[in-house]
């Protein structure tokens, strides 16, 4: 069985369309369709149903997908084990970065890495932390530097690099800044400006406020923290942002007993052998 046929199947599953998968592995759409058809013929089962412009896994496809992922990972691991016999740091490094980390934490590290290891082909994807974890779990990417899930995502290995202290913030002229003896309960009737409820960061904020009987009244949502900062700065509600983003456009609301922070760090698949490039990158993060 040809590995490129299995690679085509996994790429379609991971990226959700034949076109995106074809672009990712640098072949034409008819070619990736042919590879899938050949694989289905070899296996004697239809793996994907074509639904409109997309596709959906059949029962056989769902059963075969984890085995296909494992096979591709084992082939990659065997090749990488040989490559790693050399101390040379080169080749491709597939790296996922969350938007906040890409803007506020990683630029000096990337600069040092490229200066030290110019032969590495660094392929960066800017992803939400949740999407990045799925990309690591599927084996599509080697390393992710993101907001870490709490608790850790089963089947993945994560390492904390930074503690990211966060604060509840509003515009300096917001009504909440004028209240005395302020408690978290004051947030109940105030619009919340936070990431989507499915994100790790929203969960961290919601879990920190829950003991005070506060559930965020999510009025506007964005997974870009810079957007939330702008919305809060013009008085549209309260938000929660890392300490590093605070400036004169926002005012901190201090609540006794409220500890709000998240963990930022690296996520990898424990069954995937890291390349020399990935290990070198992790050393710079230490």
Protein backbone atom coordinates (compact mmCIF):
# COMPACT_ATOMS: atom_id res chain seq x y z
CA UNK A 1 0.00 0.00 0.00
CA UNK A 2 1.39 3.41 -1.00
CA UNK A 3 2.04 5.87 1.80
CA UNK A 4 1.04 8.80 -0.39
CA UNK A 5 -2.48 7.33 -0.63
CA UNK A 6 -2.74 7.16 3.17
CA UNK A 7 -1.28 10.66 3.44
CA UNK A 8 -3.97 11.95 1.08
CA UNK A 9 -6.75 10.35 3.15
CA UNK A 10 -5.44 11.77 6.44
CA UNK A 11 -4.94 15.23 4.90
CA UNK A 12 -8.54 15.33 3.67
CA UNK A 13 -9.77 14.34 7.14
CA UNK A 14 -7.59 16.91 8.89
CA UNK A 15 -8.26 19.84 6.57
CA UNK A 16 -11.90 19.15 5.74
CA UNK A 17 -11.78 19.38 1.96
CA UNK A 18 -10.09 17.86 -1.08
CA UNK A 19 -8.89 21.28 -2.25
CA UNK A 20 -7.25 22.21 1.06
CA UNK A 21 -5.63 18.79 1.34
CA UNK A 22 -4.32 18.97 -2.23
CA UNK A 23 -2.80 22.39 -1.55
CA UNK A 24 -1.20 21.17 1.68
CA UNK A 25 0.61 18.26 0.04
CA UNK A 26 1.30 20.17 -3.19
CA UNK A 27 -0.66 18.14 -5.70
CA UNK A 28 -3.74 18.82 -7.82
CA UNK A 29 -7.28 18.16 -6.66
CA UNK A 30 -7.85 15.42 -9.27
CA UNK A 31 -4.62 13.76 -8.11
CA UNK A 32 -5.68 13.65 -4.47
CA UNK A 33 -9.09 12.27 -5.48
CA UNK A 34 -7.32 9.53 -7.44
CA UNK A 35 -5.11 8.66 -4.48
CA UNK A 36 -8.13 8.32 -2.22
CA UNK A 37 -9.99 6.22 -4.78
CA UNK A 38 -6.98 3.92 -5.12
CA UNK A 39 -6.75 3.51 -1.34
CA UNK A 40 -10.46 2.71 -1.10
CA UNK A 41 -10.07 0.10 -3.84
CA UNK A 42 -7.10 -1.51 -2.10
CA UNK A 43 -8.98 -1.66 1.22
CA UNK A 44 -12.27 -2.70 -0.31
CA UNK A 45 -14.18 -0.06 1.64
CA UNK A 46 -15.42 3.44 0.98
CA UNK A 47 -13.72 5.76 3.47
CA UNK A 48 -15.31 9.11 2.68
CA UNK A 49 -18.71 10.17 1.45
CA UNK A 50 -18.62 13.23 -0.81
CA UNK A 51 -21.16 15.67 0.62
CA UNK A 52 -21.56 18.81 -1.47
CA UNK A 53 -18.15 20.45 -1.59
CA UNK A 54 -17.00 18.67 1.55
CA UNK A 55 -16.68 15.12 2.77
CA UNK A 56 -17.75 12.96 5.69
CA UNK A 57 -16.16 9.86 7.14
CA UNK A 58 -17.98 6.59 6.60
CA UNK A 59 -18.06 3.98 9.35
CA UNK A 60 -15.09 2.28 7.67
CA UNK A 61 -13.29 5.62 7.45
CA UNK A 62 -13.75 6.30 11.16
CA UNK A 63 -12.38 2.85 11.97
CA UNK A 64 -9.38 3.20 9.64
CA UNK A 65 -8.36 6.79 10.43
CA UNK A 66 -6.51 6.16 13.75
CA UNK A 67 -4.56 3.32 12.13
CA UNK A 68 -3.66 5.53 9.18
CA UNK A 69 -2.42 8.26 11.52
CA UNK A 70 -0.36 5.77 13.53
CA UNK A 71 1.22 4.33 10.39
CA UNK A 72 2.25 7.75 9.07
CA UNK A 73 3.65 8.71 12.47
CA UNK A 74 5.69 5.51 12.73
CA UNK A 75 7.15 6.03 9.26
CA UNK A 76 8.04 9.61 10.14
CA UNK A 77 9.54 8.56 13.48
CA UNK A 78 11.75 5.93 11.82
CA UNK A 79 13.01 8.46 9.29
CA UNK A 80 13.57 11.08 11.99
CA UNK A 81 15.48 8.63 14.19
CA UNK A 82 18.01 8.23 11.40
CA UNK A 83 18.15 11.97 10.73
CA UNK A 84 18.70 12.66 14.42
CA UNK A 85 21.84 10.48 14.45
CA UNK A 86 23.46 13.58 13.05
CA UNK A 87 23.78 16.62 15.26
CA UNK A 88 22.83 18.78 12.28
CA UNK A 89 19.76 20.94 12.91
CA UNK A 90 17.94 21.25 9.61
CA UNK A 91 14.83 20.15 7.73
CA UNK A 92 11.19 21.08 8.26
CA UNK A 93 9.73 22.15 11.59
CA UNK A 94 5.94 22.37 11.61
CA UNK A 95 5.07 24.80 14.39
CA UNK A 96 1.74 26.11 15.66
CA UNK A 97 1.59 29.43 17.51
CA UNK A 98 -1.38 31.03 19.20
CA UNK A 99 -1.96 34.62 18.08
CA UNK A 100 -1.17 36.17 21.46
CA UNK A 101 2.07 34.25 21.88
CA UNK A 102 3.08 35.05 18.30
CA UNK A 103 2.66 38.78 18.98
CA UNK A 104 3.84 39.12 22.56
CA UNK A 105 6.13 36.24 23.53
CA UNK A 106 7.83 34.51 20.62
CA UNK A 107 9.38 37.12 18.25
CA UNK A 108 12.81 37.35 19.99
CA UNK A 109 12.96 33.56 20.26
CA UNK A 110 12.16 33.11 16.57
CA UNK A 111 14.85 35.63 15.69
CA UNK A 112 17.48 33.76 17.72
CA UNK A 113 16.37 30.43 16.31
CA UNK A 114 16.67 31.55 12.67
CA UNK A 115 20.06 33.09 13.33
CA UNK A 116 21.34 29.94 15.03
CA UNK A 117 19.74 27.39 12.66
CA UNK A 118 19.38 28.91 9.17
CA UNK A 119 18.99 25.49 7.52
CA UNK A 120 15.67 24.80 9.27
CA UNK A 121 12.59 25.25 7.07
CA UNK A 122 10.26 26.80 9.64
CA UNK A 123 6.58 26.39 8.72
CA UNK A 124 4.45 28.38 11.17
CA UNK A 125 0.67 28.15 11.45
CA UNK A 126 -1.17 30.73 13.54
CA UNK A 127 -3.95 28.79 15.22
CA UNK A 128 -6.27 28.95 18.18
CA UNK A 129 -4.94 26.84 21.02
CA UNK A 130 -7.77 24.33 20.67
CA UNK A 131 -7.15 23.85 16.93
CA UNK A 132 -3.42 23.58 17.55
CA UNK A 133 -3.94 20.75 20.04
CA UNK A 134 -5.98 18.86 17.47
CA UNK A 135 -3.22 19.35 14.89
CA UNK A 136 -0.68 17.91 17.33
CA UNK A 137 -2.97 15.00 18.24
CA UNK A 138 -3.42 14.12 14.56
CA UNK A 139 0.33 14.26 13.91
CA UNK A 140 -0.03 17.05 11.33
CA UNK A 141 2.23 19.42 13.30
CA UNK A 142 5.22 18.63 15.49
CA UNK A 143 5.08 21.33 18.13
CA UNK A 144 2.60 23.93 19.42
CA UNK A 145 3.30 26.94 21.63
CA UNK A 146 -0.10 27.93 22.98
CA UNK A 147 -2.37 28.51 25.95
CA UNK A 148 -2.31 25.14 27.70
CA UNK A 149 -5.59 23.33 28.32
CA UNK A 150 -6.61 22.85 31.94
CA UNK A 151 -6.68 19.94 32.55
CA UNK A 152 -4.23 18.64 29.97
CA UNK A 153 -5.69 17.16 26.79
CA UNK A 154 -5.59 13.33 27.02
CA UNK A 155 -2.92 11.77 24.84
CA UNK A 156 -0.76 14.88 24.60
CA UNK A 157 2.28 16.01 26.55
CA UNK A 158 2.52 19.63 27.64
CA UNK A 159 5.16 21.74 29.36
CA UNK A 160 4.56 25.09 30.98
CA UNK A 161 6.93 27.86 29.91
CA UNK A 162 5.21 31.03 31.15
CA UNK A 163 2.58 31.91 33.75
CA UNK A 164 0.33 34.56 32.24
CA UNK A 165 -1.21 36.73 34.96
CA UNK A 166 -4.55 38.19 33.83
CA UNK A 167 -6.82 40.99 35.08
CA UNK A 168 -10.41 42.11 34.72
CA UNK A 169 -10.38 45.39 32.78
CA UNK A 170 -12.74 48.16 31.71
CA UNK A 171 -12.42 51.61 30.16
CA UNK A 172 -11.12 54.25 32.62
CA UNK A 173 -14.48 56.08 32.55
CA UNK A 174 -16.62 52.94 32.94
CA UNK A 175 -19.26 53.04 35.69
CA UNK A 176 -17.64 50.11 37.50
CA UNK A 177 -14.53 52.18 38.20
CA UNK A 178 -16.60 54.52 40.36
CA UNK A 179 -18.17 51.85 42.58
CA UNK A 180 -16.89 51.43 46.13
CA UNK A 181 -16.37 48.04 47.77
CA UNK A 182 -16.41 46.40 44.36
CA UNK A 183 -16.96 42.62 44.24
CA UNK A 184 -17.09 40.22 41.27
CA UNK A 185 -20.90 40.22 41.57
CA UNK A 186 -20.82 43.66 39.93
CA UNK A 187 -19.87 41.93 36.66
CA UNK A 188 -23.13 40.00 36.47
CA UNK A 189 -25.12 42.79 34.83
CA UNK A 190 -22.24 44.13 32.76
CA UNK A 191 -21.57 42.89 29.19
CA UNK A 192 -18.58 40.56 28.95
CA UNK A 193 -16.12 40.81 26.06
CA UNK A 194 -14.28 37.50 25.95
CA UNK A 195 -13.05 34.76 23.62
CA UNK A 196 -15.55 32.18 22.42
CA UNK A 197 -16.96 29.84 25.06
CA UNK A 198 -15.19 26.89 23.43
CA UNK A 199 -11.73 28.35 24.08
CA UNK A 200 -9.33 27.49 26.88
CA UNK A 201 -9.04 31.16 27.88
CA UNK A 202 -12.80 31.59 28.28
CA UNK A 203 -12.87 28.47 30.45
CA UNK A 204 -10.09 29.82 32.66
CA UNK A 205 -11.95 33.12 33.19
CA UNK A 206 -15.34 31.45 33.74
CA UNK A 207 -13.89 28.93 36.21
CA UNK A 208 -12.15 31.67 38.20
CA UNK A 209 -15.40 33.66 38.51
CA UNK A 210 -17.68 30.69 39.24
CA UNK A 211 -16.93 30.54 43.01
CA UNK A 212 -18.21 34.13 43.24
CA UNK A 213 -21.49 33.17 41.57
CA UNK A 214 -20.61 35.02 38.36
CA UNK A 215 -21.29 33.65 34.89
CA UNK A 216 -20.01 36.00 32.17
CA UNK A 217 -22.77 37.68 30.18
CA UNK A 218 -21.00 37.20 26.85
CA UNK A 219 -22.22 39.94 24.51
CA UNK A 220 -19.37 40.16 22.00
CA UNK A 221 -16.74 37.54 21.31
CA UNK A 222 -13.39 37.48 19.55
CA UNK A 223 -10.47 35.10 19.82
CA UNK A 224 -8.10 37.98 19.10
CA UNK A 225 -7.24 39.59 22.43
CA UNK A 226 -6.26 42.85 20.72
CA UNK A 227 -9.85 43.15 19.46
CA UNK A 228 -11.24 42.57 22.96
CA UNK A 229 -8.89 45.24 24.29
CA UNK A 230 -10.26 47.75 21.78
CA UNK A 231 -13.89 46.90 22.57
CA UNK A 232 -13.31 47.28 26.30
CA UNK A 233 -11.33 50.51 25.88
CA UNK A 234 -14.32 52.24 24.24
CA UNK A 235 -16.63 51.27 27.10
CA UNK A 236 -18.58 48.34 25.64
CA UNK A 237 -18.07 46.09 28.67
CA UNK A 238 -15.45 44.27 30.72
CA UNK A 239 -12.80 41.90 29.49
CA UNK A 240 -9.96 39.77 30.88
CA UNK A 241 -6.50 40.25 29.41
CA UNK A 242 -2.89 39.37 30.21
CA UNK A 243 -0.99 41.83 32.34
CA UNK A 244 1.40 42.50 29.44
CA UNK A 245 -1.42 44.11 27.41
CA UNK A 246 -2.50 46.69 29.99
CA UNK A 247 -1.96 50.35 29.17
CA UNK A 248 -3.62 53.71 29.83
CA UNK A 249 -6.65 52.81 27.67
CA UNK A 250 -7.85 50.34 30.33
CA UNK A 251 -8.28 50.24 34.09
CA UNK A 252 -7.85 47.19 36.27
CA UNK A 253 -10.72 46.14 38.53
CA UNK A 254 -9.19 44.59 41.64
CA UNK A 255 -11.24 41.90 43.34
CA UNK A 256 -10.10 40.37 46.61
CA UNK A 257 -9.63 36.61 46.33
CA UNK A 258 -9.82 36.47 42.53
CA UNK A 259 -6.77 34.72 41.09
CA UNK A 260 -6.84 34.89 37.32
CA UNK A 261 -3.99 33.42 35.31
CA UNK A 262 -3.34 30.95 32.54
CA UNK A 263 -0.46 28.70 31.61
CA UNK A 264 1.38 29.13 28.31
CA UNK A 265 3.72 26.51 26.94
CA UNK A 266 4.59 23.74 24.54
CA UNK A 267 2.45 20.80 23.45
CA UNK A 268 3.73 17.73 21.63
CA UNK A 269 2.62 14.17 20.86
CA UNK A 270 4.42 11.76 23.23
CA UNK A 271 4.57 9.02 20.58
CA UNK A 272 6.22 11.28 18.03
CA UNK A 273 10.01 11.49 18.02
CA UNK A 274 11.01 15.14 17.99
CA UNK A 275 13.35 16.33 15.29
CA UNK A 276 16.65 18.00 16.11
CA UNK A 277 15.00 21.26 15.03
CA UNK A 278 12.10 20.83 17.49
CA UNK A 279 14.47 19.97 20.33
CA UNK A 280 16.60 23.02 19.52
CA UNK A 281 13.52 25.24 19.56
CA UNK A 282 12.44 23.86 22.94
CA UNK A 283 15.88 24.55 24.36
CA UNK A 284 15.53 28.22 23.43
CA UNK A 285 12.19 28.32 25.26
CA UNK A 286 13.58 26.87 28.48
